[in-house]
């Protein structure tokens, strides 16, 4: 029995429509999978950034990342004693340079902390406002990844800095206070901090949405 041409043509049109529908479904499915992958990647990056932010805003770090003309001291982040000032380059002023008291290592006998080239971070790297309060997570995030404000560091350079910079490492070995008690350290270990930095970078350095 011969099939008429109209029937053959109709069958062809139906088959074409089915193939087109399947192709559209496949593309949509792939798009949905990619969208979920990107969303998961961003969520992982934001979780990692949360750990990084917790370290950056701990007193061991933020006390020298101020928005004012002076450093801070202690877990309560009080203004530095004896009216220490930032100075023109973050190393203090004539007659009261940072290294006048802060040597290359902690002086536990006197309670004075120390590390190589002790100094304040540039104002471009401030992580608090002029009222000495930590900046919101989204603002610190944007600053940290901005080469114009972070010392011209790329994301990979940030990982290296957080892993190797001696003043960063000091935060986990901050020595003793004048009363002999041990200074507090950031909320996660240094290894966890570096791992979180790496996960954040690998996720594309996402930042939280501002309020």
C-alpha atoms as a PDB file:
ATOM      1  CA  UNK A   1       0.000   0.000   0.000  1.00  0.00           C
ATOM      2  CA  UNK A   2       1.383   3.338  -0.970  1.00  0.00           C
ATOM      3  CA  UNK A   3       1.301   6.219   1.517  1.00  0.00           C
ATOM      4  CA  UNK A   4       0.089   9.427   0.001  1.00  0.00           C
ATOM      5  CA  UNK A   5       2.428  12.370  -0.221  1.00  0.00           C
ATOM      6  CA  UNK A   6       0.295  14.539   2.094  1.00  0.00           C
ATOM      7  CA  UNK A   7       0.618  11.908   4.824  1.00  0.00           C
ATOM      8  CA  UNK A   8       4.354  11.655   4.305  1.00  0.00           C
ATOM      9  CA  UNK A   9       4.682  15.404   4.452  1.00  0.00           C
ATOM     10  CA  UNK A  10       2.597  15.573   7.650  1.00  0.00           C
ATOM     11  CA  UNK A  11       4.686  12.881   9.291  1.00  0.00           C
ATOM     12  CA  UNK A  12       7.821  14.795   8.397  1.00  0.00           C
ATOM     13  CA  UNK A  13       6.452  17.976   9.881  1.00  0.00           C
ATOM     14  CA  UNK A  14       5.509  16.197  13.098  1.00  0.00           C
ATOM     15  CA  UNK A  15       8.973  14.658  13.353  1.00  0.00           C
ATOM     16  CA  UNK A  16      10.593  18.038  12.777  1.00  0.00           C
ATOM     17  CA  UNK A  17       8.398  19.604  15.444  1.00  0.00           C
ATOM     18  CA  UNK A  18       9.314  16.858  17.906  1.00  0.00           C
ATOM     19  CA  UNK A  19      13.028  17.283  17.209  1.00  0.00           C
ATOM     20  CA  UNK A  20      12.714  21.051  17.638  1.00  0.00           C
ATOM     21  CA  UNK A  21      10.839  20.631  20.919  1.00  0.00           C
ATOM     22  CA  UNK A  22      13.448  18.176  22.182  1.00  0.00           C
ATOM     23  CA  UNK A  23      16.243  20.538  21.175  1.00  0.00           C
ATOM     24  CA  UNK A  24      14.595  23.434  22.988  1.00  0.00           C
ATOM     25  CA  UNK A  25      14.100  21.270  26.088  1.00  0.00           C
ATOM     26  CA  UNK A  26      17.726  20.161  26.003  1.00  0.00           C
ATOM     27  CA  UNK A  27      18.953  23.746  25.712  1.00  0.00           C
ATOM     28  CA  UNK A  28      16.685  24.869  28.552  1.00  0.00           C
ATOM     29  CA  UNK A  29      17.829  21.984  30.740  1.00  0.00           C
ATOM     30  CA  UNK A  30      21.480  22.796  30.048  1.00  0.00           C
ATOM     31  CA  UNK A  31      20.802  26.450  30.819  1.00  0.00           C
ATOM     32  CA  UNK A  32      19.135  25.528  34.112  1.00  0.00           C
ATOM     33  CA  UNK A  33      22.026  23.255  35.062  1.00  0.00           C
ATOM     34  CA  UNK A  34      24.544  26.011  34.324  1.00  0.00           C
ATOM     35  CA  UNK A  35      22.491  28.573  36.255  1.00  0.00           C
ATOM     36  CA  UNK A  36      22.403  26.253  39.280  1.00  0.00           C
ATOM     37  CA  UNK A  37      26.119  25.599  38.982  1.00  0.00           C
ATOM     38  CA  UNK A  38      26.839  29.323  38.955  1.00  0.00           C
ATOM     39  CA  UNK A  39      24.484  29.912  41.894  1.00  0.00           C
ATOM     40  CA  UNK A  40      26.149  27.130  43.900  1.00  0.00           C
ATOM     41  CA  UNK A  41      29.584  28.499  43.040  1.00  0.00           C
ATOM     42  CA  UNK A  42      28.587  31.986  44.199  1.00  0.00           C
ATOM     43  CA  UNK A  43      27.101  30.609  47.425  1.00  0.00           C
ATOM     44  CA  UNK A  44      30.321  28.717  48.148  1.00  0.00           C
ATOM     45  CA  UNK A  45      32.348  31.842  47.420  1.00  0.00           C
ATOM     46  CA  UNK A  46      30.205  33.988  49.705  1.00  0.00           C
ATOM     47  CA  UNK A  47      30.506  31.439  52.513  1.00  0.00           C
ATOM     48  CA  UNK A  48      34.282  31.498  52.102  1.00  0.00           C
ATOM     49  CA  UNK A  49      34.277  35.306  52.078  1.00  0.00           C
ATOM     50  CA  UNK A  50      32.352  35.241  55.371  1.00  0.00           C
ATOM     51  CA  UNK A  51      35.299  33.441  56.961  1.00  0.00           C
ATOM     52  CA  UNK A  52      37.765  35.890  55.426  1.00  0.00           C
ATOM     53  CA  UNK A  53      35.733  38.869  56.661  1.00  0.00           C
ATOM     54  CA  UNK A  54      35.649  37.394  60.166  1.00  0.00           C
ATOM     55  CA  UNK A  55      39.446  37.422  60.211  1.00  0.00           C
ATOM     56  CA  UNK A  56      39.897  40.862  58.663  1.00  0.00           C
ATOM     57  CA  UNK A  57      37.590  42.465  61.227  1.00  0.00           C
ATOM     58  CA  UNK A  58      39.182  40.734  64.214  1.00  0.00           C
ATOM     59  CA  UNK A  59      41.150  43.160  66.435  1.00  0.00           C
ATOM     60  CA  UNK A  60      44.495  41.574  65.494  1.00  0.00           C
ATOM     61  CA  UNK A  61      43.925  42.771  61.944  1.00  0.00           C
ATOM     62  CA  UNK A  62      41.529  45.694  62.012  1.00  0.00           C
ATOM     63  CA  UNK A  63      43.428  47.586  64.737  1.00  0.00           C
ATOM     64  CA  UNK A  64      45.940  48.618  62.074  1.00  0.00           C
ATOM     65  CA  UNK A  65      43.448  48.968  59.215  1.00  0.00           C
ATOM     66  CA  UNK A  66      41.866  52.144  60.545  1.00  0.00           C
ATOM     67  CA  UNK A  67      40.199  55.102  58.847  1.00  0.00           C
ATOM     68  CA  UNK A  68      41.693  57.553  61.328  1.00  0.00           C
ATOM     69  CA  UNK A  69      45.117  59.051  61.988  1.00  0.00           C
ATOM     70  CA  UNK A  70      45.898  56.602  64.796  1.00  0.00           C
ATOM     71  CA  UNK A  71      46.143  52.839  65.397  1.00  0.00           C
ATOM     72  CA  UNK A  72      44.127  50.936  67.979  1.00  0.00           C
ATOM     73  CA  UNK A  73      44.992  48.500  70.757  1.00  0.00           C
ATOM     74  CA  UNK A  74      43.386  45.564  72.504  1.00  0.00           C
ATOM     75  CA  UNK A  75      40.328  43.462  71.835  1.00  0.00           C
ATOM     76  CA  UNK A  76      38.186  46.465  72.757  1.00  0.00           C
ATOM     77  CA  UNK A  77      40.009  48.386  70.024  1.00  0.00           C
ATOM     78  CA  UNK A  78      40.808  51.443  72.104  1.00  0.00           C
ATOM     79  CA  UNK A  79      42.883  54.310  70.759  1.00  0.00           C
ATOM     80  CA  UNK A  80      46.632  53.636  70.958  1.00  0.00           C
ATOM     81  CA  UNK A  81      48.310  54.918  74.106  1.00  0.00           C
ATOM     82  CA  UNK A  82      50.699  57.909  74.246  1.00  0.00           C
ATOM     83  CA  UNK A  83      48.931  59.585  71.329  1.00  0.00           C
ATOM     84  CA  UNK A  84      50.605  57.533  68.612  1.00  0.00           C
ATOM     85  CA  UNK A  85      49.777  58.978  65.182  1.00  0.00           C
ATOM     86  CA  UNK A  86      49.689  57.508  61.688  1.00  0.00           C
ATOM     87  CA  UNK A  87      52.204  59.907  60.180  1.00  0.00           C
ATOM     88  CA  UNK A  88      52.710  60.586  56.473  1.00  0.00           C
ATOM     89  CA  UNK A  89      53.414  56.970  55.479  1.00  0.00           C
ATOM     90  CA  UNK A  90      51.751  54.897  58.198  1.00  0.00           C
ATOM     91  CA  UNK A  91      54.982  54.408  60.159  1.00  0.00           C
ATOM     92  CA  UNK A  92      54.344  57.051  62.808  1.00  0.00           C
ATOM     93  CA  UNK A  93      55.823  60.513  63.243  1.00  0.00           C
ATOM     94  CA  UNK A  94      59.317  61.785  63.952  1.00  0.00           C
ATOM     95  CA  UNK A  95      60.308  60.823  67.475  1.00  0.00           C
ATOM     96  CA  UNK A  96      57.463  58.314  67.755  1.00  0.00           C
ATOM     97  CA  UNK A  97      57.869  55.882  64.883  1.00  0.00           C
ATOM     98  CA  UNK A  98      56.163  52.511  65.147  1.00  0.00           C
ATOM     99  CA  UNK A  99      59.501  50.701  65.250  1.00  0.00           C
ATOM    100  CA  UNK A 100      60.637  52.804  68.199  1.00  0.00           C
ATOM    101  CA  UNK A 101      58.664  50.374  70.367  1.00  0.00           C
ATOM    102  CA  UNK A 102      57.578  47.544  68.070  1.00  0.00           C
ATOM    103  CA  UNK A 103      60.592  45.423  67.246  1.00  0.00           C
ATOM    104  CA  UNK A 104      60.858  42.521  64.786  1.00  0.00           C
ATOM    105  CA  UNK A 105      59.372  40.059  67.277  1.00  0.00           C
ATOM    106  CA  UNK A 106      57.020  40.104  70.239  1.00  0.00           C
ATOM    107  CA  UNK A 107      58.528  41.365  73.486  1.00  0.00           C
ATOM    108  CA  UNK A 108      56.559  39.256  75.948  1.00  0.00           C
ATOM    109  CA  UNK A 109      58.515  40.618  78.911  1.00  0.00           C
ATOM    110  CA  UNK A 110      56.976  44.048  78.318  1.00  0.00           C
ATOM    111  CA  UNK A 111      53.831  43.047  76.442  1.00  0.00           C
ATOM    112  CA  UNK A 112      54.758  45.006  73.311  1.00  0.00           C
ATOM    113  CA  UNK A 113      53.832  43.107  70.137  1.00  0.00           C
ATOM    114  CA  UNK A 114      56.246  43.068  67.238  1.00  0.00           C
ATOM    115  CA  UNK A 115      56.824  41.996  63.671  1.00  0.00           C
ATOM    116  CA  UNK A 116      58.888  43.001  60.630  1.00  0.00           C
ATOM    117  CA  UNK A 117      58.216  46.559  59.413  1.00  0.00           C
ATOM    118  CA  UNK A 118      55.442  47.251  61.923  1.00  0.00           C
ATOM    119  CA  UNK A 119      53.139  49.927  60.498  1.00  0.00           C
ATOM    120  CA  UNK A 120      49.572  51.006  59.795  1.00  0.00           C
ATOM    121  CA  UNK A 121      47.883  49.906  56.590  1.00  0.00           C
ATOM    122  CA  UNK A 122      47.272  52.696  54.038  1.00  0.00           C
ATOM    123  CA  UNK A 123      43.962  54.508  54.303  1.00  0.00           C
ATOM    124  CA  UNK A 124      42.927  52.889  51.016  1.00  0.00           C
ATOM    125  CA  UNK A 125      43.010  49.575  52.896  1.00  0.00           C
ATOM    126  CA  UNK A 126      40.856  50.706  55.815  1.00  0.00           C
ATOM    127  CA  UNK A 127      38.285  48.222  57.061  1.00  0.00           C
ATOM    128  CA  UNK A 128      36.477  50.511  59.481  1.00  0.00           C
ATOM    129  CA  UNK A 129      34.771  53.871  59.429  1.00  0.00           C
ATOM    130  CA  UNK A 130      35.838  57.109  61.094  1.00  0.00           C
ATOM    131  CA  UNK A 131      33.858  56.133  64.197  1.00  0.00           C
ATOM    132  CA  UNK A 132      36.103  53.094  64.592  1.00  0.00           C
ATOM    133  CA  UNK A 133      33.339  50.661  63.603  1.00  0.00           C
ATOM    134  CA  UNK A 134      33.995  47.807  61.133  1.00  0.00           C
ATOM    135  CA  UNK A 135      32.731  48.489  57.624  1.00  0.00           C
ATOM    136  CA  UNK A 136      29.985  46.200  56.301  1.00  0.00           C
ATOM    137  CA  UNK A 137      31.061  42.965  54.668  1.00  0.00           C
ATOM    138  CA  UNK A 138      30.175  44.107  51.140  1.00  0.00           C
ATOM    139  CA  UNK A 139      32.289  47.276  51.436  1.00  0.00           C
ATOM    140  CA  UNK A 140      35.335  45.446  52.777  1.00  0.00           C
ATOM    141  CA  UNK A 141      34.932  42.822  50.048  1.00  0.00           C
ATOM    142  CA  UNK A 142      34.953  45.405  47.274  1.00  0.00           C
ATOM    143  CA  UNK A 143      38.004  47.110  48.779  1.00  0.00           C
ATOM    144  CA  UNK A 144      39.981  43.916  49.212  1.00  0.00           C
ATOM    145  CA  UNK A 145      39.606  42.841  45.577  1.00  0.00           C
ATOM    146  CA  UNK A 146      40.096  46.304  44.038  1.00  0.00           C
ATOM    147  CA  UNK A 147      43.711  46.626  42.774  1.00  0.00           C
ATOM    148  CA  UNK A 148      43.422  50.408  43.053  1.00  0.00           C
ATOM    149  CA  UNK A 149      42.915  50.058  46.803  1.00  0.00           C
ATOM    150  CA  UNK A 150      44.625  46.821  47.808  1.00  0.00           C
ATOM    151  CA  UNK A 151      48.206  47.554  46.823  1.00  0.00           C
ATOM    152  CA  UNK A 152      47.690  46.488  43.198  1.00  0.00           C
ATOM    153  CA  UNK A 153      47.247  42.827  44.126  1.00  0.00           C
ATOM    154  CA  UNK A 154      45.576  40.355  41.791  1.00  0.00           C
ATOM    155  CA  UNK A 155      43.328  37.642  43.258  1.00  0.00           C
ATOM    156  CA  UNK A 156      46.218  35.161  43.127  1.00  0.00           C
ATOM    157  CA  UNK A 157      48.484  37.702  44.808  1.00  0.00           C
ATOM    158  CA  UNK A 158      45.907  38.063  47.593  1.00  0.00           C
ATOM    159  CA  UNK A 159      46.157  34.336  48.277  1.00  0.00           C
ATOM    160  CA  UNK A 160      49.948  34.584  48.452  1.00  0.00           C
ATOM    161  CA  UNK A 161      49.779  37.680  50.676  1.00  0.00           C
ATOM    162  CA  UNK A 162      47.391  36.047  53.128  1.00  0.00           C
ATOM    163  CA  UNK A 163      49.507  32.899  53.152  1.00  0.00           C
ATOM    164  CA  UNK A 164      52.965  34.427  53.522  1.00  0.00           C
ATOM    165  CA  UNK A 165      53.002  38.082  54.643  1.00  0.00           C
ATOM    166  CA  UNK A 166      54.753  38.232  58.010  1.00  0.00           C
ATOM    167  CA  UNK A 167      52.390  40.768  59.569  1.00  0.00           C
ATOM    168  CA  UNK A 168      49.450  38.600  58.502  1.00  0.00           C
ATOM    169  CA  UNK A 169      51.072  35.570  60.125  1.00  0.00           C
ATOM    170  CA  UNK A 170      51.616  37.607  63.308  1.00  0.00           C
ATOM    171  CA  UNK A 171      47.841  37.654  63.942  1.00  0.00           C
ATOM    172  CA  UNK A 172      48.029  33.961  64.934  1.00  0.00           C
ATOM    173  CA  UNK A 173      51.121  34.442  67.111  1.00  0.00           C
ATOM    174  CA  UNK A 174      50.400  37.825  68.717  1.00  0.00           C
ATOM    175  CA  UNK A 175      52.283  37.281  71.949  1.00  0.00           C
ATOM    176  CA  UNK A 176      51.311  38.352  75.450  1.00  0.00           C
ATOM    177  CA  UNK A 177      49.674  41.432  76.880  1.00  0.00           C
ATOM    178  CA  UNK A 178      51.484  43.514  79.520  1.00  0.00           C
ATOM    179  CA  UNK A 179      49.624  41.532  82.220  1.00  0.00           C
ATOM    180  CA  UNK A 180      51.050  38.284  80.856  1.00  0.00           C
ATOM    181  CA  UNK A 181      47.849  36.916  79.323  1.00  0.00           C
ATOM    182  CA  UNK A 182      47.931  35.706  75.733  1.00  0.00           C
ATOM    183  CA  UNK A 183      46.308  37.921  73.098  1.00  0.00           C
ATOM    184  CA  UNK A 184      43.308  36.516  71.276  1.00  0.00           C
ATOM    185  CA  UNK A 185      43.652  35.264  67.717  1.00  0.00           C
ATOM    186  CA  UNK A 186      41.249  35.349  64.727  1.00  0.00           C
ATOM    187  CA  UNK A 187      38.205  33.039  64.728  1.00  0.00           C
ATOM    188  CA  UNK A 188      39.720  30.453  62.367  1.00  0.00           C
ATOM    189  CA  UNK A 189      43.227  29.049  61.997  1.00  0.00           C
ATOM    190  CA  UNK A 190      45.672  30.545  59.534  1.00  0.00           C
ATOM    191  CA  UNK A 191      45.382  27.443  57.355  1.00  0.00           C
ATOM    192  CA  UNK A 192      41.595  27.806  57.270  1.00  0.00           C
ATOM    193  CA  UNK A 193      41.941  31.502  56.471  1.00  0.00           C
ATOM    194  CA  UNK A 194      44.175  30.805  53.481  1.00  0.00           C
ATOM    195  CA  UNK A 195      41.897  27.988  52.305  1.00  0.00           C
ATOM    196  CA  UNK A 196      38.872  30.302  52.556  1.00  0.00           C
ATOM    197  CA  UNK A 197      40.717  32.984  50.601  1.00  0.00           C
ATOM    198  CA  UNK A 198      41.503  30.443  47.885  1.00  0.00           C
ATOM    199  CA  UNK A 199      37.892  29.215  47.686  1.00  0.00           C
ATOM    200  CA  UNK A 200      36.665  32.799  47.458  1.00  0.00           C
ATOM    201  CA  UNK A 201      39.095  33.549  44.630  1.00  0.00           C
ATOM    202  CA  UNK A 202      38.236  30.334  42.774  1.00  0.00           C
ATOM    203  CA  UNK A 203      34.554  31.279  43.000  1.00  0.00           C
ATOM    204  CA  UNK A 204      35.290  34.581  41.256  1.00  0.00           C
ATOM    205  CA  UNK A 205      35.655  36.811  44.376  1.00  0.00           C
ATOM    206  CA  UNK A 206      31.896  37.370  44.840  1.00  0.00           C
ATOM    207  CA  UNK A 207      30.787  40.071  47.271  1.00  0.00           C
ATOM    208  CA  UNK A 208      27.605  40.199  49.356  1.00  0.00           C
ATOM    209  CA  UNK A 209      24.885  42.543  48.217  1.00  0.00           C
ATOM    210  CA  UNK A 210      24.881  45.843  50.097  1.00  0.00           C
ATOM    211  CA  UNK A 211      21.937  46.998  52.138  1.00  0.00           C
END
